[in-house]
Each structure stands twice: as C-alpha cells, then as structure tokens.
Protein backbone atom coordinates (compact mmCIF):
# COMPACT_ATOMS: atom_id res chain seq x y z
CA MET A 1 -6.11 -5.50 -9.34
CA VAL A 2 -4.08 -7.13 -12.04
CA PHE A 3 -1.04 -9.11 -10.94
CA GLU A 4 1.17 -8.98 -14.02
CA GLU A 5 4.19 -11.20 -14.38
CA GLY A 6 7.07 -10.17 -12.15
CA TRP A 7 4.97 -8.02 -9.82
CA ALA A 8 6.36 -9.74 -6.72
CA THR A 9 9.96 -8.74 -7.51
CA SER A 10 9.18 -5.14 -6.60
CA PRO A 11 5.94 -5.23 -4.62
CA LEU A 12 6.12 -1.69 -3.26
CA ARG A 13 6.59 -0.16 -6.73
CA TRP A 14 3.89 -2.44 -8.16
CA LEU A 15 1.42 -1.35 -5.46
CA MET A 16 2.28 2.31 -5.96
CA ASN A 17 1.56 1.96 -9.69
CA ALA A 18 -1.57 -0.17 -9.26
CA LEU A 19 -3.26 1.76 -6.48
CA GLY A 20 -1.01 4.07 -4.53
CA ASP A 21 -0.44 7.00 -6.85
CA ALA A 22 -4.19 7.54 -7.32
CA GLN A 23 -5.05 6.93 -3.67
CA LEU A 24 -2.37 9.30 -2.40
CA GLN A 25 -3.64 12.01 -4.74
CA ARG A 26 -7.16 11.36 -3.49
CA MET A 27 -5.98 11.84 0.10
CA ALA A 28 -5.06 15.46 -0.68
CA GLY A 29 -8.75 16.37 -0.92
CA ASP A 30 -10.33 13.96 1.54
CA PRO A 31 -9.59 14.53 5.26
CA GLY A 32 -11.63 11.46 6.21
CA LEU A 33 -9.46 9.28 3.99
CA VAL A 34 -6.34 10.83 5.52
CA ALA A 35 -7.56 9.98 9.03
CA ALA A 36 -8.46 6.41 8.09
CA VAL A 37 -5.15 5.80 6.32
CA ASP A 38 -3.27 7.33 9.25
CA GLN A 39 -4.88 4.78 11.60
CA HIS A 40 -3.71 1.94 9.37
CA ALA A 41 -0.24 3.49 9.08
CA ALA A 42 -0.04 3.72 12.88
CA TRP A 43 -0.94 0.03 13.15
CA LEU A 44 1.84 -0.83 10.70
CA ARG A 45 4.35 1.36 12.56
CA ASP A 46 3.58 -0.56 15.75
CA ALA A 47 3.46 -4.01 14.14
CA ILE A 48 6.55 -4.26 11.93
CA PRO A 49 9.92 -2.62 11.31
CA LEU A 50 9.46 -0.07 8.54
CA ASP A 51 12.23 -0.91 6.11
CA ARG A 52 11.88 -1.82 2.43
CA GLU A 53 12.35 -5.55 2.90
CA THR A 54 10.00 -5.98 5.85
CA LEU A 55 7.25 -3.75 4.44
CA GLY A 56 7.57 -5.51 1.07
CA ASP A 57 7.32 -8.92 2.74
CA TYR A 58 4.29 -7.76 4.72
CA LEU A 59 2.71 -6.53 1.50
CA LEU A 60 3.32 -9.86 -0.26
CA GLY A 61 1.65 -11.76 2.58
CA PHE A 62 -1.26 -9.33 2.80
CA LEU A 63 -1.86 -9.48 -0.95
CA ASP A 64 -1.64 -13.26 -0.91
CA GLU A 65 -4.41 -13.37 1.69
CA LEU A 66 -6.52 -10.87 -0.30
CA ARG A 67 -6.11 -12.98 -3.44
CA HIS A 68 -7.12 -16.08 -1.48
CA LEU A 69 -10.26 -14.26 -0.29
CA GLY A 70 -11.09 -13.10 -3.82
CA TRP A 71 -10.82 -9.41 -2.88
CA SER A 72 -10.38 -6.81 -5.59
CA PHE A 73 -9.99 -3.05 -5.40
CA THR A 74 -13.24 -1.32 -6.31
CA GLY A 75 -12.30 2.22 -5.37
CA GLU A 76 -14.22 2.01 -2.10
CA SER A 77 -12.44 2.81 1.16
CA ASP A 78 -12.79 -0.64 2.70
CA ALA A 79 -10.32 -2.00 5.23
CA PRO A 80 -8.05 -3.75 2.70
CA SER A 81 -7.79 -0.69 0.45
CA LEU A 82 -7.06 1.53 3.46
CA ARG A 83 -4.30 -0.83 4.59
CA LEU A 84 -2.82 -0.91 1.08
CA THR A 85 -3.00 2.88 0.88
CA ALA A 86 -1.22 3.08 4.24
CA VAL A 87 1.56 0.89 2.85
CA CYS A 88 1.85 3.32 -0.08
CA TYR A 89 1.82 6.31 2.23
CA LEU A 90 4.61 4.88 4.37
CA THR A 91 6.57 3.82 1.31
CA ARG A 92 6.49 7.37 0.01
CA GLU A 93 7.12 9.06 3.36
CA LEU A 94 10.08 6.82 4.16
CA GLY A 95 11.55 6.90 0.65
CA LEU A 96 11.42 3.12 0.25
CA LEU A 97 10.86 2.87 -3.49
CA ASP A 98 13.60 0.71 -4.89
CA ASP A 99 13.79 2.48 -8.25
CA GLY A 100 14.51 5.96 -6.94
CA ARG A 101 11.33 7.43 -8.41
CA THR A 102 9.18 9.61 -6.23
CA ALA A 103 5.57 8.70 -5.66
C-alpha cells in the first residue's frame, strides 16, 4: 500500500481508494470473504463507536501498527486485509465517507 502525502487527512476515503473499492467488489462473488469480513465488522461494532471520527482514528492506529510491522497488502485474505475490508464495509454501509461519494 502506498501512503501518499496527505493520506491521513481523510483515512476512510484513502482506504476505500487504496483497497476498499476492489475488496468490496470481490465480496459480491465470494461468500467466504463475506463471512470473514462480517466477523471483523462484528468485532469493530462491539469494540468502538461507529462514527466517522472514531472509525477514522481506529484506522489510523491500525495502519500505523501495520506499517511498523512491515505489512503490505498482497491481495490475500489475511487478518489485516480482512480487518481493513471490514472498515471499508462499515464505512460504506454507514455512509461515513467525508466527500459524499458512494463506495
């Protein structure tokens, strides 16, 4: 994943562009991916308030840890990519994109 300048000012939109749009489209044809993402979304629903600011702050912290670990998105459905896809899923479902565009 490339972290271009200014990405942290709109982390939910950045994630949707970097990974989410493609992953959400992929979910349409992959029931196993839907189930895995749903588990991560349920964890997020239980763990944090689902508003734009809190989910964005969670995303910033999660990405910071992934960067520290040297993780990068390879297209595989590993735990970090499932969690990031769940953030995208919730962002879309809750209408949290700050630019008014649909995912």
